[in-house]
Amino acid sequence: MKKFRKALEEQRDEILVNARKILSGEIHLDPDDFPDEIDTASSEMNLAFQGRLRERERGLLSKINEALERIDEGVFGECQNCGEDIGAKRIHARPMAQLCIDCKSEQEQQERRNA
């Protein structure tokens, strides 16, 4: 558990450091800074992309915090759907995993059917 806690905490800290770097930078669009519409569009597209990355990092940060809570509660490595062991290979590959491979596969199939 110590190994997983350390890996999760390191990943969480890295996300937070990156977020602080982004927030400390002055991100703003001033139309006078861009000589034409193409430069403006390019800058806006870049900001939108950064926003999507931050949103993904926010979701990952939430999953990391949930995994750390499961370690504290003594249920780390248990599937939240069926209660079975998630499996060593999966938990090593993705320590924030909440579902065993069978339940995750079933969830993905259900999502594809609903899409």
Protein backbone atom coordinates (compact mmCIF):
# COMPACT_ATOMS: atom_id res chain seq x y z
CA MET A 1 0.00 0.00 0.00
CA LYS A 2 2.87 2.38 0.75
CA LYS A 3 4.14 1.97 -2.79
CA PHE A 4 0.74 2.78 -4.29
CA ARG A 5 0.18 5.70 -1.91
CA LYS A 6 3.56 7.17 -2.87
CA ALA A 7 2.91 6.76 -6.60
CA LEU A 8 -0.56 8.32 -6.31
CA GLU A 9 0.71 11.22 -4.19
CA GLU A 10 3.53 11.90 -6.66
CA GLN A 11 1.11 11.92 -9.57
CA ARG A 12 -1.27 14.20 -7.65
CA ASP A 13 1.58 16.58 -6.77
CA GLU A 14 2.71 16.72 -10.40
CA ILE A 15 -0.80 17.65 -11.55
CA LEU A 16 -1.03 20.36 -8.89
CA VAL A 17 2.36 21.82 -9.83
CA ASN A 18 1.32 21.97 -13.48
CA ALA A 19 -1.98 23.60 -12.55
CA ARG A 20 -0.19 26.24 -10.47
CA LYS A 21 2.12 27.00 -13.39
CA ILE A 22 -0.83 27.50 -15.69
CA LEU A 23 -2.71 29.64 -13.19
CA SER A 24 0.30 31.81 -12.42
CA GLY A 25 0.74 32.68 -16.09
CA GLU A 26 -1.16 35.57 -17.48
CA ILE A 27 -3.59 34.00 -19.88
CA HIS A 28 -5.69 36.61 -21.57
CA LEU A 29 -6.70 37.62 -25.05
CA ASP A 30 -6.33 41.20 -26.08
CA PRO A 31 -7.52 41.78 -29.65
CA ASP A 32 -4.83 44.46 -30.10
CA ASP A 33 -2.12 41.81 -29.57
CA PHE A 34 -3.04 40.01 -32.79
CA PRO A 35 -2.63 41.56 -36.21
CA ASP A 36 -5.21 39.39 -37.96
CA GLU A 37 -8.11 36.98 -37.48
CA ILE A 38 -5.98 33.89 -38.06
CA ASP A 39 -3.65 34.76 -35.16
CA THR A 40 -6.67 35.40 -32.95
CA ALA A 41 -8.30 32.09 -33.93
CA SER A 42 -5.04 30.21 -33.35
CA SER A 43 -4.64 31.71 -29.89
CA GLU A 44 -8.26 30.96 -28.96
CA MET A 45 -7.87 27.37 -30.16
CA ASN A 46 -4.74 26.99 -28.03
CA LEU A 47 -6.57 28.31 -24.95
CA ALA A 48 -9.49 25.94 -25.59
CA PHE A 49 -7.06 23.02 -25.83
CA GLN A 50 -5.41 24.05 -22.54
CA GLY A 51 -8.86 24.21 -20.95
CA ARG A 52 -9.67 20.66 -22.06
CA LEU A 53 -6.33 19.44 -20.66
CA ARG A 54 -7.04 21.11 -17.32
CA GLU A 55 -10.48 19.50 -17.22
CA ARG A 56 -8.95 16.06 -17.83
CA GLU A 57 -6.36 16.72 -15.11
CA ARG A 58 -9.13 17.77 -12.72
CA GLY A 59 -10.91 14.45 -13.33
CA LEU A 60 -7.69 12.51 -12.85
CA LEU A 61 -6.96 14.42 -9.65
CA SER A 62 -10.39 13.45 -8.33
CA LYS A 63 -9.74 9.76 -9.11
CA ILE A 64 -6.34 9.93 -7.41
CA ASN A 65 -7.88 11.43 -4.27
CA GLU A 66 -10.58 8.73 -4.28
CA ALA A 67 -7.89 6.03 -4.56
CA LEU A 68 -6.02 7.56 -1.60
CA GLU A 69 -9.28 7.50 0.40
CA ARG A 70 -9.75 3.81 -0.48
CA ILE A 71 -6.24 3.12 0.83
CA ASP A 72 -7.14 4.89 4.09
CA GLU A 73 -10.39 2.90 4.33
CA GLY A 74 -8.64 -0.41 3.65
CA VAL A 75 -10.61 -1.18 0.48
CA PHE A 76 -7.97 -0.26 -2.10
CA GLY A 77 -7.81 -2.85 -4.86
CA GLU A 78 -11.43 -3.99 -4.47
CA CYS A 79 -13.84 -3.52 -7.37
CA GLN A 80 -16.47 -0.96 -6.43
CA ASN A 81 -19.04 -2.81 -8.53
CA CYS A 82 -18.68 -6.48 -7.66
CA GLY A 83 -16.34 -6.34 -4.63
CA GLU A 84 -13.82 -8.74 -6.17
CA ASP A 85 -10.08 -8.10 -6.31
CA ILE A 86 -9.16 -5.73 -9.15
CA GLY A 87 -6.04 -7.72 -9.96
CA ALA A 88 -2.37 -6.95 -9.56
CA LYS A 89 -1.62 -6.21 -13.22
CA ARG A 90 -4.48 -3.74 -13.51
CA ILE A 91 -3.81 -2.02 -10.20
CA HIS A 92 -0.11 -1.67 -11.06
CA ALA A 93 -0.95 -0.24 -14.48
CA ARG A 94 -3.66 2.09 -13.17
CA PRO A 95 -3.56 2.49 -9.38
CA MET A 96 -6.64 4.71 -9.40
CA ALA A 97 -8.75 1.96 -11.03
CA GLN A 98 -12.14 1.53 -9.38
CA LEU A 99 -13.36 -1.50 -11.31
CA CYS A 100 -11.97 -4.94 -12.06
CA ILE A 101 -11.30 -5.67 -15.73
CA ASP A 102 -14.57 -7.58 -16.18
CA CYS A 103 -16.72 -4.79 -14.70
CA LYS A 104 -14.77 -2.15 -16.64
CA SER A 105 -15.27 -4.05 -19.89
CA GLU A 106 -18.97 -4.38 -19.15
CA GLN A 107 -19.20 -0.64 -18.39
CA GLU A 108 -17.47 0.25 -21.67
CA GLN A 109 -19.78 -2.04 -23.65
CA GLN A 110 -22.79 -0.42 -22.01
CA GLU A 111 -21.45 3.04 -22.86
CA ARG A 112 -20.98 2.02 -26.51
CA ARG A 113 -24.56 0.72 -26.68
CA ASN A 114 -25.87 3.96 -25.20
CA ALA A 115 -23.82 6.18 -27.53
